[in-house]
Every structure is written in structure tokens, then in C-alpha cells.
C-alpha atoms as a PDB file:
ATOM      1  CA  UNK A   1     -40.605 -11.102 154.813  1.00  0.00           C
ATOM      2  CA  UNK A   2     -41.713 -10.993 151.119  1.00  0.00           C
ATOM      3  CA  UNK A   3     -43.550  -7.683 151.998  1.00  0.00           C
ATOM      4  CA  UNK A   4     -40.662  -6.592 154.134  1.00  0.00           C
ATOM      5  CA  UNK A   5     -38.609  -6.843 150.608  1.00  0.00           C
ATOM      6  CA  UNK A   6     -40.842  -4.651 148.358  1.00  0.00           C
ATOM      7  CA  UNK A   7     -40.789  -1.858 151.323  1.00  0.00           C
ATOM      8  CA  UNK A   8     -37.108  -1.784 151.607  1.00  0.00           C
ATOM      9  CA  UNK A   9     -36.651  -1.771 147.941  1.00  0.00           C
ATOM     10  CA  UNK A  10     -39.516   1.347 147.420  1.00  0.00           C
ATOM     11  CA  UNK A  11     -37.664   3.416 149.711  1.00  0.00           C
ATOM     12  CA  UNK A  12     -34.518   2.685 148.133  1.00  0.00           C
ATOM     13  CA  UNK A  13     -35.866   3.821 144.839  1.00  0.00           C
ATOM     14  CA  UNK A  14     -37.103   6.838 146.114  1.00  0.00           C
ATOM     15  CA  UNK A  15     -33.702   7.781 147.550  1.00  0.00           C
ATOM     16  CA  UNK A  16     -32.139  10.783 145.843  1.00  0.00           C
ATOM     17  CA  UNK A  17     -28.611   9.666 143.761  1.00  0.00           C
ATOM     18  CA  UNK A  18     -26.047  10.011 145.818  1.00  0.00           C
ATOM     19  CA  UNK A  19     -23.397  13.271 145.443  1.00  0.00           C
ATOM     20  CA  UNK A  20     -20.026  12.939 144.249  1.00  0.00           C
ATOM     21  CA  UNK A  21     -17.401  14.877 144.975  1.00  0.00           C
ATOM     22  CA  UNK A  22     -14.040  14.714 142.776  1.00  0.00           C
ATOM     23  CA  UNK A  23     -10.664  16.257 144.169  1.00  0.00           C
ATOM     24  CA  UNK A  24      -6.930  15.447 145.098  1.00  0.00           C
ATOM     25  CA  UNK A  25      -5.768  14.338 148.427  1.00  0.00           C
ATOM     26  CA  UNK A  26      -4.770  17.455 150.009  1.00  0.00           C
ATOM     27  CA  UNK A  27      -1.118  15.740 150.614  1.00  0.00           C
ATOM     28  CA  UNK A  28      -1.021  14.765 146.654  1.00  0.00           C
ATOM     29  CA  UNK A  29      -1.828  18.318 145.236  1.00  0.00           C
ATOM     30  CA  UNK A  30       0.586  19.391 142.959  1.00  0.00           C
ATOM     31  CA  UNK A  31       0.466  22.301 140.083  1.00  0.00           C
ATOM     32  CA  UNK A  32       2.294  22.103 136.939  1.00  0.00           C
ATOM     33  CA  UNK A  33       2.818  24.846 134.418  1.00  0.00           C
ATOM     34  CA  UNK A  34       3.306  24.201 130.775  1.00  0.00           C
ATOM     35  CA  UNK A  35       3.948  26.340 128.111  1.00  0.00           C
ATOM     36  CA  UNK A  36       5.771  27.894 124.968  1.00  0.00           C
ATOM     37  CA  UNK A  37       5.693  31.453 122.963  1.00  0.00           C
ATOM     38  CA  UNK A  38       1.733  30.011 121.659  1.00  0.00           C
ATOM     39  CA  UNK A  39       0.101  29.309 125.069  1.00  0.00           C
ATOM     40  CA  UNK A  40       0.895  28.928 128.582  1.00  0.00           C
ATOM     41  CA  UNK A  41      -0.942  26.663 131.118  1.00  0.00           C
ATOM     42  CA  UNK A  42      -1.122  25.939 134.844  1.00  0.00           C
ATOM     43  CA  UNK A  43      -2.454  22.495 135.238  1.00  0.00           C
ATOM     44  CA  UNK A  44      -3.779  20.581 138.545  1.00  0.00           C
ATOM     45  CA  UNK A  45      -4.524  16.935 138.311  1.00  0.00           C
ATOM     46  CA  UNK A  46      -7.674  15.943 139.816  1.00  0.00           C
ATOM     47  CA  UNK A  47      -7.665  12.066 141.309  1.00  0.00           C
ATOM     48  CA  UNK A  48      -9.729   9.712 139.095  1.00  0.00           C
ATOM     49  CA  UNK A  49     -11.134  12.576 136.867  1.00  0.00           C
ATOM     50  CA  UNK A  50      -8.919  14.295 134.734  1.00  0.00           C
ATOM     51  CA  UNK A  51      -7.505  17.873 135.537  1.00  0.00           C
ATOM     52  CA  UNK A  52      -8.174  21.707 135.936  1.00  0.00           C
ATOM     53  CA  UNK A  53      -6.552  24.031 133.424  1.00  0.00           C
ATOM     54  CA  UNK A  54      -5.883  27.708 133.349  1.00  0.00           C
ATOM     55  CA  UNK A  55      -5.070  28.198 129.379  1.00  0.00           C
ATOM     56  CA  UNK A  56      -3.837  31.489 128.132  1.00  0.00           C
ATOM     57  CA  UNK A  57      -2.803  31.540 124.386  1.00  0.00           C
ATOM     58  CA  UNK A  58      -0.928  34.165 122.953  1.00  0.00           C
ATOM     59  CA  UNK A  59      -2.832  37.886 122.446  1.00  0.00           C
ATOM     60  CA  UNK A  60      -5.529  36.483 124.652  1.00  0.00           C
ATOM     61  CA  UNK A  61      -6.662  36.588 128.165  1.00  0.00           C
ATOM     62  CA  UNK A  62      -6.923  32.851 130.556  1.00  0.00           C
ATOM     63  CA  UNK A  63     -10.127  30.634 130.425  1.00  0.00           C
ATOM     64  CA  UNK A  64     -10.634  27.759 132.642  1.00  0.00           C
ATOM     65  CA  UNK A  65     -10.892  24.314 131.173  1.00  0.00           C
ATOM     66  CA  UNK A  66     -12.003  21.415 132.738  1.00  0.00           C
ATOM     67  CA  UNK A  67     -10.336  17.941 130.979  1.00  0.00           C
ATOM     68  CA  UNK A  68     -11.817  14.331 132.115  1.00  0.00           C
ATOM     69  CA  UNK A  69     -11.012  10.964 131.461  1.00  0.00           C
ATOM     70  CA  UNK A  70     -14.494   9.928 131.878  1.00  0.00           C
ATOM     71  CA  UNK A  71     -17.865  11.196 131.086  1.00  0.00           C
ATOM     72  CA  UNK A  72     -19.392  10.834 134.674  1.00  0.00           C
ATOM     73  CA  UNK A  73     -20.426  14.212 134.389  1.00  0.00           C
ATOM     74  CA  UNK A  74     -22.341  14.047 131.716  1.00  0.00           C
ATOM     75  CA  UNK A  75     -23.782  17.016 129.604  1.00  0.00           C
ATOM     76  CA  UNK A  76     -25.988  20.028 130.757  1.00  0.00           C
ATOM     77  CA  UNK A  77     -25.541  22.982 132.590  1.00  0.00           C
ATOM     78  CA  UNK A  78     -23.165  23.221 135.598  1.00  0.00           C
ATOM     79  CA  UNK A  79     -22.502  26.062 137.804  1.00  0.00           C
ATOM     80  CA  UNK A  80     -18.629  27.579 138.688  1.00  0.00           C
ATOM     81  CA  UNK A  81     -17.819  28.691 142.030  1.00  0.00           C
ATOM     82  CA  UNK A  82     -15.284  30.161 144.052  1.00  0.00           C
ATOM     83  CA  UNK A  83     -15.934  28.045 146.779  1.00  0.00           C
ATOM     84  CA  UNK A  84     -14.608  29.230 150.480  1.00  0.00           C
ATOM     85  CA  UNK A  85     -12.660  27.139 152.350  1.00  0.00           C
ATOM     86  CA  UNK A  86     -13.780  25.466 155.866  1.00  0.00           C
ATOM     87  CA  UNK A  87     -11.506  27.485 157.520  1.00  0.00           C
ATOM     88  CA  UNK A  88     -12.696  30.592 156.187  1.00  0.00           C
ATOM     89  CA  UNK A  89     -15.421  31.483 158.685  1.00  0.00           C
ATOM     90  CA  UNK A  90     -18.011  34.310 157.513  1.00  0.00           C
ATOM     91  CA  UNK A  91     -17.094  33.769 153.765  1.00  0.00           C
ATOM     92  CA  UNK A  92     -19.392  32.689 151.083  1.00  0.00           C
ATOM     93  CA  UNK A  93     -18.886  30.845 147.800  1.00  0.00           C
ATOM     94  CA  UNK A  94     -18.892  33.652 144.922  1.00  0.00           C
ATOM     95  CA  UNK A  95     -21.283  32.435 142.001  1.00  0.00           C
ATOM     96  CA  UNK A  96     -19.120  32.936 138.610  1.00  0.00           C
ATOM     97  CA  UNK A  97     -22.002  31.860 136.533  1.00  0.00           C
ATOM     98  CA  UNK A  98     -22.630  28.701 134.252  1.00  0.00           C
ATOM     99  CA  UNK A  99     -20.720  26.306 132.118  1.00  0.00           C
ATOM    100  CA  UNK A 100     -21.949  24.213 129.393  1.00  0.00           C
ATOM    101  CA  UNK A 101     -21.022  20.748 130.056  1.00  0.00           C
ATOM    102  CA  UNK A 102     -20.035  18.607 126.670  1.00  0.00           C
ATOM    103  CA  UNK A 103     -18.654  15.864 125.527  1.00  0.00           C
ATOM    104  CA  UNK A 104     -15.018  14.707 125.023  1.00  0.00           C
ATOM    105  CA  UNK A 105     -11.609  15.550 126.744  1.00  0.00           C
ATOM    106  CA  UNK A 106     -12.330  19.017 127.301  1.00  0.00           C
ATOM    107  CA  UNK A 107     -15.841  19.411 128.842  1.00  0.00           C
ATOM    108  CA  UNK A 108     -15.781  23.161 128.569  1.00  0.00           C
ATOM    109  CA  UNK A 109     -13.972  26.347 128.164  1.00  0.00           C
ATOM    110  CA  UNK A 110     -14.714  29.440 130.430  1.00  0.00           C
ATOM    111  CA  UNK A 111     -15.013  32.681 129.846  1.00  0.00           C
ATOM    112  CA  UNK A 112     -12.086  34.919 130.618  1.00  0.00           C
ATOM    113  CA  UNK A 113     -13.986  36.951 132.930  1.00  0.00           C
ATOM    114  CA  UNK A 114     -14.810  33.662 135.150  1.00  0.00           C
ATOM    115  CA  UNK A 115     -11.107  32.437 134.678  1.00  0.00           C
ATOM    116  CA  UNK A 116     -10.272  35.775 136.384  1.00  0.00           C
ATOM    117  CA  UNK A 117     -12.606  35.383 139.205  1.00  0.00           C
ATOM    118  CA  UNK A 118     -11.069  31.782 139.867  1.00  0.00           C
ATOM    119  CA  UNK A 119      -7.366  33.431 139.607  1.00  0.00           C
ATOM    120  CA  UNK A 120      -8.585  35.920 142.526  1.00  0.00           C
ATOM    121  CA  UNK A 121     -10.570  33.402 144.595  1.00  0.00           C
ATOM    122  CA  UNK A 122      -7.400  31.018 144.598  1.00  0.00           C
ATOM    123  CA  UNK A 123      -5.041  33.667 145.652  1.00  0.00           C
ATOM    124  CA  UNK A 124      -7.785  34.108 148.646  1.00  0.00           C
ATOM    125  CA  UNK A 125      -7.298  30.561 149.131  1.00  0.00           C
ATOM    126  CA  UNK A 126     -10.819  29.619 147.480  1.00  0.00           C
ATOM    127  CA  UNK A 127     -11.414  26.477 145.747  1.00  0.00           C
ATOM    128  CA  UNK A 128     -12.749  26.565 142.164  1.00  0.00           C
ATOM    129  CA  UNK A 129     -15.526  24.494 142.219  1.00  0.00           C
ATOM    130  CA  UNK A 130     -18.158  22.838 139.044  1.00  0.00           C
ATOM    131  CA  UNK A 131     -21.221  21.543 140.296  1.00  0.00           C
ATOM    132  CA  UNK A 132     -23.373  19.681 138.056  1.00  0.00           C
ATOM    133  CA  UNK A 133     -26.644  17.928 138.836  1.00  0.00           C
ATOM    134  CA  UNK A 134     -28.100  15.047 136.678  1.00  0.00           C
ATOM    135  CA  UNK A 135     -30.866  12.582 137.411  1.00  0.00           C
ATOM    136  CA  UNK A 136     -28.393   9.754 137.298  1.00  0.00           C
ATOM    137  CA  UNK A 137     -25.702  11.079 139.635  1.00  0.00           C
ATOM    138  CA  UNK A 138     -27.487  13.620 141.567  1.00  0.00           C
ATOM    139  CA  UNK A 139     -25.477  16.557 142.661  1.00  0.00           C
ATOM    140  CA  UNK A 140     -21.303  16.017 141.416  1.00  0.00           C
ATOM    141  CA  UNK A 141     -18.586  19.013 141.894  1.00  0.00           C
ATOM    142  CA  UNK A 142     -15.220  18.567 140.589  1.00  0.00           C
ATOM    143  CA  UNK A 143     -13.094  20.779 143.150  1.00  0.00           C
ATOM    144  CA  UNK A 144      -9.205  22.027 143.022  1.00  0.00           C
ATOM    145  CA  UNK A 145      -7.447  23.366 145.908  1.00  0.00           C
ATOM    146  CA  UNK A 146      -5.609  26.217 146.647  1.00  0.00           C
ATOM    147  CA  UNK A 147      -2.466  24.386 148.189  1.00  0.00           C
ATOM    148  CA  UNK A 148       0.849  25.394 146.263  1.00  0.00           C
ATOM    149  CA  UNK A 149      -0.883  28.225 144.242  1.00  0.00           C
ATOM    150  CA  UNK A 150       0.986  31.278 144.351  1.00  0.00           C
ATOM    151  CA  UNK A 151       4.255  29.550 143.544  1.00  0.00           C
ATOM    152  CA  UNK A 152       2.988  27.724 140.656  1.00  0.00           C
ATOM    153  CA  UNK A 153       1.080  31.029 139.825  1.00  0.00           C
ATOM    154  CA  UNK A 154       4.551  33.199 139.931  1.00  0.00           C
ATOM    155  CA  UNK A 155       5.869  30.370 137.240  1.00  0.00           C
ATOM    156  CA  UNK A 156       2.759  30.888 135.502  1.00  0.00           C
ATOM    157  CA  UNK A 157       3.097  34.464 135.177  1.00  0.00           C
ATOM    158  CA  UNK A 158       6.933  34.089 134.040  1.00  0.00           C
ATOM    159  CA  UNK A 159       5.471  31.992 131.350  1.00  0.00           C
ATOM    160  CA  UNK A 160       2.902  34.742 129.912  1.00  0.00           C
ATOM    161  CA  UNK A 161       5.723  37.322 129.682  1.00  0.00           C
ATOM    162  CA  UNK A 162       7.177  35.100 127.255  1.00  0.00           C
ATOM    163  CA  UNK A 163       4.022  34.766 124.554  1.00  0.00           C
ATOM    164  CA  UNK A 164       4.035  36.538 121.108  1.00  0.00           C
ATOM    165  CA  UNK A 165       1.916  39.403 121.154  1.00  0.00           C
ATOM    166  CA  UNK A 166      -0.336  37.527 118.747  1.00  0.00           C
ATOM    167  CA  UNK A 167      -2.092  33.754 117.787  1.00  0.00           C
ATOM    168  CA  UNK A 168      -2.199  32.634 114.392  1.00  0.00           C
ATOM    169  CA  UNK A 169      -5.685  33.625 114.046  1.00  0.00           C
ATOM    170  CA  UNK A 170      -5.074  37.207 114.763  1.00  0.00           C
ATOM    171  CA  UNK A 171      -2.527  37.841 112.472  1.00  0.00           C
ATOM    172  CA  UNK A 172      -3.464  35.257 109.835  1.00  0.00           C
ATOM    173  CA  UNK A 173      -5.430  38.391 107.871  1.00  0.00           C
ATOM    174  CA  UNK A 174      -4.307  41.819 108.408  1.00  0.00           C
ATOM    175  CA  UNK A 175      -4.898  44.913 106.968  1.00  0.00           C
ATOM    176  CA  UNK A 176      -1.280  47.474 106.284  1.00  0.00           C
ATOM    177  CA  UNK A 177      -2.989  50.773 105.666  1.00  0.00           C
ATOM    178  CA  UNK A 178      -1.583  53.738 103.712  1.00  0.00           C
ATOM    179  CA  UNK A 179      -2.417  57.708 104.022  1.00  0.00           C
ATOM    180  CA  UNK A 180      -3.027  59.755 100.765  1.00  0.00           C
ATOM    181  CA  UNK A 181      -1.066  58.342  97.725  1.00  0.00           C
ATOM    182  CA  UNK A 182       1.765  57.272  99.417  1.00  0.00           C
ATOM    183  CA  UNK A 183       3.169  53.759  98.330  1.00  0.00           C
ATOM    184  CA  UNK A 184       5.706  53.825 101.443  1.00  0.00           C
ATOM    185  CA  UNK A 185       5.550  52.575 105.019  1.00  0.00           C
ATOM    186  CA  UNK A 186       5.001  54.590 107.759  1.00  0.00           C
ATOM    187  CA  UNK A 187       5.375  54.038 111.626  1.00  0.00           C
ATOM    188  CA  UNK A 188       2.046  52.481 112.111  1.00  0.00           C
ATOM    189  CA  UNK A 189       2.352  49.703 109.090  1.00  0.00           C
ATOM    190  CA  UNK A 190       5.848  48.680 110.135  1.00  0.00           C
ATOM    191  CA  UNK A 191       4.663  48.491 113.250  1.00  0.00           C
ATOM    192  CA  UNK A 192       1.832  46.154 112.153  1.00  0.00           C
ATOM    193  CA  UNK A 193       4.032  44.257 110.138  1.00  0.00           C
ATOM    194  CA  UNK A 194       6.541  43.520 112.760  1.00  0.00           C
ATOM    195  CA  UNK A 195       4.205  41.820 114.649  1.00  0.00           C
ATOM    196  CA  UNK A 196       3.494  39.459 111.843  1.00  0.00           C
ATOM    197  CA  UNK A 197       6.900  38.826 111.466  1.00  0.00           C
ATOM    198  CA  UNK A 198       7.474  38.404 115.025  1.00  0.00           C
ATOM    199  CA  UNK A 199       4.929  35.105 114.728  1.00  0.00           C
ATOM    200  CA  UNK A 200       6.419  34.304 111.442  1.00  0.00           C
ATOM    201  CA  UNK A 201       9.650  33.718 112.970  1.00  0.00           C
ATOM    202  CA  UNK A 202       8.697  30.827 115.936  1.00  0.00           C
ATOM    203  CA  UNK A 203       5.932  29.155 113.579  1.00  0.00           C
ATOM    204  CA  UNK A 204       7.575  27.467 110.567  1.00  0.00           C
ATOM    205  CA  UNK A 205       4.528  25.801 109.654  1.00  0.00           C
ATOM    206  CA  UNK A 206       3.636  28.806 107.864  1.00  0.00           C
ATOM    207  CA  UNK A 207       5.312  28.804 104.659  1.00  0.00           C
ATOM    208  CA  UNK A 208       2.944  31.018 102.412  1.00  0.00           C
ATOM    209  CA  UNK A 209       1.948  34.764 102.275  1.00  0.00           C
ATOM    210  CA  UNK A 210      -0.490  36.230  99.861  1.00  0.00           C
ATOM    211  CA  UNK A 211      -0.782  39.974  99.365  1.00  0.00           C
ATOM    212  CA  UNK A 212      -3.543  41.833  97.894  1.00  0.00           C
ATOM    213  CA  UNK A 213      -2.845  45.794  97.161  1.00  0.00           C
ATOM    214  CA  UNK A 214      -6.313  48.375  97.097  1.00  0.00           C
ATOM    215  CA  UNK A 215      -6.981  51.883  96.500  1.00  0.00           C
ATOM    216  CA  UNK A 216      -9.745  54.209  97.205  1.00  0.00           C
ATOM    217  CA  UNK A 217     -11.321  55.739  93.901  1.00  0.00           C
ATOM    218  CA  UNK A 218      -9.507  59.325  93.970  1.00  0.00           C
ATOM    219  CA  UNK A 219      -7.499  59.539  90.331  1.00  0.00           C
ATOM    220  CA  UNK A 220      -8.285  57.683  87.297  1.00  0.00           C
ATOM    221  CA  UNK A 221      -8.200  53.325  87.431  1.00  0.00           C
ATOM    222  CA  UNK A 222      -4.892  52.815  85.614  1.00  0.00           C
ATOM    223  CA  UNK A 223      -3.186  55.290  88.386  1.00  0.00           C
ATOM    224  CA  UNK A 224      -5.026  53.350  91.044  1.00  0.00           C
ATOM    225  CA  UNK A 225      -4.327  50.178  89.818  1.00  0.00           C
ATOM    226  CA  UNK A 226      -0.463  51.545  89.451  1.00  0.00           C
ATOM    227  CA  UNK A 227      -1.115  52.405  92.925  1.00  0.00           C
ATOM    228  CA  UNK A 228      -2.233  49.279  94.629  1.00  0.00           C
ATOM    229  CA  UNK A 229       0.806  47.524  92.781  1.00  0.00           C
ATOM    230  CA  UNK A 230       3.500  49.557  94.145  1.00  0.00           C
ATOM    231  CA  UNK A 231       1.905  49.375  97.763  1.00  0.00           C
ATOM    232  CA  UNK A 232       1.873  45.495  98.040  1.00  0.00           C
ATOM    233  CA  UNK A 233       5.433  45.425  96.185  1.00  0.00           C
ATOM    234  CA  UNK A 234       6.335  47.991  99.495  1.00  0.00           C
ATOM    235  CA  UNK A 235       5.038  44.983 101.564  1.00  0.00           C
ATOM    236  CA  UNK A 236       6.657  42.197  99.906  1.00  0.00           C
ATOM    237  CA  UNK A 237      10.160  44.059 100.000  1.00  0.00           C
ATOM    238  CA  UNK A 238       9.324  44.198 103.868  1.00  0.00           C
ATOM    239  CA  UNK A 239       9.154  40.293 104.313  1.00  0.00           C
ATOM    240  CA  UNK A 240      12.197  40.121 101.236  1.00  0.00           C
ATOM    241  CA  UNK A 241      14.232  42.409 103.789  1.00  0.00           C
ATOM    242  CA  UNK A 242      13.621  40.086 106.603  1.00  0.00           C
ATOM    243  CA  UNK A 243      14.774  36.783 105.274  1.00  0.00           C
ATOM    244  CA  UNK A 244      11.522  35.679 102.986  1.00  0.00           C
ATOM    245  CA  UNK A 245      11.986  33.953  99.460  1.00  0.00           C
ATOM    246  CA  UNK A 246       9.922  35.862  96.944  1.00  0.00           C
ATOM    247  CA  UNK A 247       8.785  32.198  95.748  1.00  0.00           C
ATOM    248  CA  UNK A 248       6.812  32.205  99.249  1.00  0.00           C
ATOM    249  CA  UNK A 249       5.046  35.437  98.408  1.00  0.00           C
ATOM    250  CA  UNK A 250       1.825  35.635  96.136  1.00  0.00           C
ATOM    251  CA  UNK A 251       1.306  39.267  95.015  1.00  0.00           C
ATOM    252  CA  UNK A 252      -2.025  40.912  93.020  1.00  0.00           C
ATOM    253  CA  UNK A 253      -2.978  44.206  93.113  1.00  0.00           C
ATOM    254  CA  UNK A 254      -6.297  45.560  92.182  1.00  0.00           C
ATOM    255  CA  UNK A 255      -6.672  49.139  92.254  1.00  0.00           C
ATOM    256  CA  UNK A 256     -10.221  50.881  93.436  1.00  0.00           C
ATOM    257  CA  UNK A 257     -12.381  47.482  92.867  1.00  0.00           C
ATOM    258  CA  UNK A 258     -13.488  45.829  95.756  1.00  0.00           C
ATOM    259  CA  UNK A 259     -13.352  48.463  98.593  1.00  0.00           C
ATOM    260  CA  UNK A 260     -14.052  47.780 102.306  1.00  0.00           C
ATOM    261  CA  UNK A 261     -16.809  50.574 102.286  1.00  0.00           C
ATOM    262  CA  UNK A 262     -18.461  53.195  99.934  1.00  0.00           C
ATOM    263  CA  UNK A 263     -16.125  55.947  98.749  1.00  0.00           C
ATOM    264  CA  UNK A 264     -18.118  58.248 100.312  1.00  0.00           C
ATOM    265  CA  UNK A 265     -16.223  60.234 103.284  1.00  0.00           C
ATOM    266  CA  UNK A 266     -12.290  60.789 103.871  1.00  0.00           C
ATOM    267  CA  UNK A 267     -12.550  58.415 106.622  1.00  0.00           C
ATOM    268  CA  UNK A 268     -13.509  55.654 104.319  1.00  0.00           C
ATOM    269  CA  UNK A 269     -11.646  55.960 101.504  1.00  0.00           C
ATOM    270  CA  UNK A 270      -8.443  55.538 104.397  1.00  0.00           C
ATOM    271  CA  UNK A 271     -10.216  52.407 105.143  1.00  0.00           C
ATOM    272  CA  UNK A 272     -10.013  51.302 101.335  1.00  0.00           C
ATOM    273  CA  UNK A 273      -6.129  52.385 100.796  1.00  0.00           C
ATOM    274  CA  UNK A 274      -4.823  49.295 101.898  1.00  0.00           C
ATOM    275  CA  UNK A 275      -2.860  46.048 101.716  1.00  0.00           C
ATOM    276  CA  UNK A 276      -4.134  42.792 103.130  1.00  0.00           C
ATOM    277  CA  UNK A 277      -1.719  40.635 104.097  1.00  0.00           C
ATOM    278  CA  UNK A 278      -2.992  36.955 104.570  1.00  0.00           C
ATOM    279  CA  UNK A 279      -0.753  33.995 105.969  1.00  0.00           C
ATOM    280  CA  UNK A 280      -1.132  30.640 104.879  1.00  0.00           C
ATOM    281  CA  UNK A 281      -0.041  26.748 105.958  1.00  0.00           C
ATOM    282  CA  UNK A 282       0.308  25.131 103.320  1.00  0.00           C
ATOM    283  CA  UNK A 283       1.809  21.426 103.813  1.00  0.00           C
ATOM    284  CA  UNK A 284       5.120  20.988 105.070  1.00  0.00           C
ATOM    285  CA  UNK A 285       7.490  24.306 105.037  1.00  0.00           C
ATOM    286  CA  UNK A 286      10.241  23.506 101.852  1.00  0.00           C
ATOM    287  CA  UNK A 287      13.660  23.262 103.787  1.00  0.00           C
ATOM    288  CA  UNK A 288      15.347  24.844 101.182  1.00  0.00           C
ATOM    289  CA  UNK A 289      13.290  27.885 102.329  1.00  0.00           C
ATOM    290  CA  UNK A 290      15.964  29.905 103.950  1.00  0.00           C
ATOM    291  CA  UNK A 291      13.446  30.454 107.059  1.00  0.00           C
ATOM    292  CA  UNK A 292      16.530  30.957 109.288  1.00  0.00           C
ATOM    293  CA  UNK A 293      17.503  33.981 107.626  1.00  0.00           C
ATOM    294  CA  UNK A 294      14.951  35.731 109.085  1.00  0.00           C
ATOM    295  CA  UNK A 295      15.983  38.485 110.909  1.00  0.00           C
ATOM    296  CA  UNK A 296      14.991  40.707 113.854  1.00  0.00           C
ATOM    297  CA  UNK A 297      13.196  44.572 112.949  1.00  0.00           C
ATOM    298  CA  UNK A 298      14.644  47.616 114.267  1.00  0.00           C
ATOM    299  CA  UNK A 299      12.370  49.010 116.914  1.00  0.00           C
ATOM    300  CA  UNK A 300      10.882  51.991 115.657  1.00  0.00           C
ATOM    301  CA  UNK A 301      10.920  54.921 117.969  1.00  0.00           C
END
């Protein structure tokens, strides 16, 4: 009897770890769409695991994110697939490459290309699958199902049409160019400022604008310093005209100091004639500042 017990124990220890698959039962599948002007999310909850989420931020393409309420997958590399459904004979899974499983609630964010591949697969009836191997659990899979996807995808697309053209990281530091010796805002400068303004209108946490004016090295230093001052003032006047209080704006001017590139060619000098616009979130916005007075700029033909 003891020998039989030892034989069974040895056999069990030699067996591979049992594979695990996480997916929601077909009848319980749901897709949810959430979002605002900053971000849109298309979500499928996964029973006993977490959720799979397509996330598109303003100014960017979507990525796929896997959220977990446990750490059962462990860390390491995993394979992302657009898997063919059992009722699609002759189709093979599409390997979209690897992702890196990390710690915490968000296990990974895919690349934009991988998310695009998952979208195309879902529209063809394929399932997003994350396949991971660990010495503890063997092969584990997390699977989303394409059931009810098309309607939710339409709602998600409607959300993305309302996104801002840029997110905070993309507008927090911008350069406004000035041709020649001009100090006036041309159509290109106004277009760039309008994008910044559109963001500021919906994000009250940004409550400081820092302007730095610069010139190239043509002319003498006093003239260039004055040019950089007037250019910075032109940008400040734009923000003031659209409802921003002067107390929110810091203005500096540097003349030909701190060039972006050497003033060795006409193209380089054009890069150095600029005003940088930097946005900051400096604590809670002052309610006395008339942010509600920010107006929409006229379109530029």
C-alpha cells in the first residue's frame, strides 16, 4: 500500500500544471462604453478576473488594456491573439505579438497596432485572447467574446468623435512660430492657439500659462529682445481676448538667447523665432478667475 501511495504521489508531481481559461459565460456577455472629451473606453467585464478595455485618449489611437482583480497570471511575457471562433472552420488564430504582464490592477497596455488588430478581429467574429505560461499555473488564457460587439463598437465610435484633438501631454508645451520680423499671429499660429484654447475650455485644472518669447540672431540684441517681448505679448493678448485673466499668465522674453538650433541657416532661424506656451496645473483653480468667460475662437478660412 505504501509503495502504491508513493507511486501515485510521484505521478501527480510529474503532471503539468492545469491550464486555466477566464471568460464570461455567453449569456452574460456585455460591452460597456464610457467616456468624455478626454478619453473613451470600450469594456467587456471578465468573470472572476477583471476586464478587457479598449482605451482611446484624445489625440491618440486606441490601445487594449487588461485589468485584473487578482494576480493569477503572474508576471512575464504573454501572447496576444485574435483567435478564430470554433464555428469558423478553416480560419487560424492571428498572432498579434507579445505583451508584458506586469503587477497591479492594469496588467498591460498593448500597442496601438495590436489594438487595431483586435478591433478588426472582433468585427470578423474573432476573440481577443491573452495566452500566458507560468511554471505555477501552466498555460492560462483570458478571452473576450465578440457577442454584441458591433452595437457597442458603434457607440464607442460615436464617443471618439467628441474627443478633443489633443490631450494634456500634447498641449502642455507648444511652440508658436513667427515669420521674419513679424510680431503678429498668422493663420498657422492662430490654428495652434485654437487647439490649446479648446483644451483649456474643458480642463479647469490647468490654471497657469507661461509664455517665453524668442528671436533669431538677425539684428542687434536690443531689437531682438524687443521683438521677443512683442511676440510674447501677442500670444498673451490672444488668451486675454478669450477670457483668461492676466493674473493667470506669466510672460518672459529672451531675445536671441537660448536658440533651439544654431542660427546657421534660414530654416534654423525660422525655428528660433517663437513663443513657447507652457501649461501648468498649479493646485485648485481660483474660482474668482473668470474661466467661464472663455470664448470660442472664430474659425479661420
